[in-house]
Amino acid sequence: MRPLPPPASHHISPAPSPRAQESWLAQHWPVLGLAGFGAALLLIAALLWSRYGTAVFFDVLNAGLAACL
């Protein structure tokens, strides 16, 4: 019986997946977009609140919700 050959000294790694090659921003753009949209809505709400006060602010919100429903 012949002895087994020594194991190969090099390691062949599998090709990286296309997803692994994308940048962090390319992978997370939907989350960042929704976070930006939410921040813009909060900013608009704060601006309306500071400009018109609470009474007008809630009247505008109620009118908008009534229009949607």
Protein backbone atom coordinates (compact mmCIF):
# COMPACT_ATOMS: atom_id res chain seq x y z
CA MET A 1 0.00 0.00 0.00
CA ARG A 2 1.35 3.39 -0.95
CA PRO A 3 1.36 6.25 1.56
CA LEU A 4 -1.06 9.14 1.04
CA PRO A 5 0.37 12.33 -0.44
CA PRO A 6 0.82 15.25 1.96
CA PRO A 7 -2.11 17.68 2.16
CA ALA A 8 -2.04 20.71 -0.08
CA SER A 9 -0.51 23.72 1.63
CA HIS A 10 -2.71 26.24 -0.14
CA HIS A 11 -6.34 26.86 0.67
CA ILE A 12 -8.75 27.70 -2.10
CA SER A 13 -11.41 30.00 -0.75
CA PRO A 14 -14.80 30.24 -2.41
CA ALA A 15 -15.56 33.32 -4.45
CA PRO A 16 -17.10 36.07 -2.35
CA SER A 17 -20.78 36.61 -2.88
CA PRO A 18 -21.82 39.73 -4.80
CA ARG A 19 -23.65 40.91 -1.66
CA ALA A 20 -20.40 40.83 0.34
CA GLN A 21 -18.69 43.08 -2.20
CA GLU A 22 -21.30 45.84 -1.92
CA SER A 23 -20.59 48.76 0.34
CA TRP A 24 -22.43 49.27 3.59
CA LEU A 25 -24.39 52.16 2.08
CA ALA A 26 -25.47 50.09 -0.91
CA GLN A 27 -26.81 47.39 1.41
CA HIS A 28 -28.68 49.69 3.78
CA TRP A 29 -30.09 52.43 1.53
CA PRO A 30 -33.77 51.53 2.13
CA VAL A 31 -33.37 51.83 5.89
CA LEU A 32 -31.46 55.09 5.56
CA GLY A 33 -34.08 56.45 3.15
CA LEU A 34 -36.94 55.66 5.52
CA ALA A 35 -35.03 57.16 8.44
CA GLY A 36 -34.44 60.32 6.43
CA PHE A 37 -38.11 60.50 5.48
CA GLY A 38 -39.16 60.09 9.12
CA ALA A 39 -36.70 62.77 10.21
CA ALA A 40 -38.09 65.13 7.56
CA LEU A 41 -41.64 64.53 8.80
CA LEU A 42 -40.58 65.24 12.37
CA LEU A 43 -38.81 68.41 11.27
CA ILE A 44 -41.89 69.62 9.39
CA ALA A 45 -44.08 68.86 12.41
CA ALA A 46 -41.72 70.79 14.71
CA LEU A 47 -41.66 73.75 12.33
CA LEU A 48 -45.47 73.82 12.12
CA TRP A 49 -45.71 73.55 15.88
CA SER A 50 -43.29 76.41 16.48
CA ARG A 51 -44.87 78.62 13.81
CA TYR A 52 -48.58 78.18 14.52
CA GLY A 53 -48.76 76.82 18.05
CA THR A 54 -50.59 73.78 19.33
CA ALA A 55 -54.18 74.73 18.46
CA VAL A 56 -53.58 75.32 14.77
CA PHE A 57 -51.12 72.43 14.63
CA PHE A 58 -53.71 69.93 15.87
CA ASP A 59 -56.40 71.43 13.62
CA VAL A 60 -54.17 70.91 10.58
CA LEU A 61 -53.42 67.33 11.64
CA ASN A 62 -57.11 66.55 12.21
CA ALA A 63 -58.06 68.04 8.84
CA GLY A 64 -55.33 66.02 7.11
CA LEU A 65 -56.39 62.78 8.79
CA ALA A 66 -60.05 63.44 7.97
CA ALA A 67 -59.10 64.00 4.32
CA CYS A 68 -57.24 60.68 4.23
CA LEU A 69 -60.02 58.69 5.85
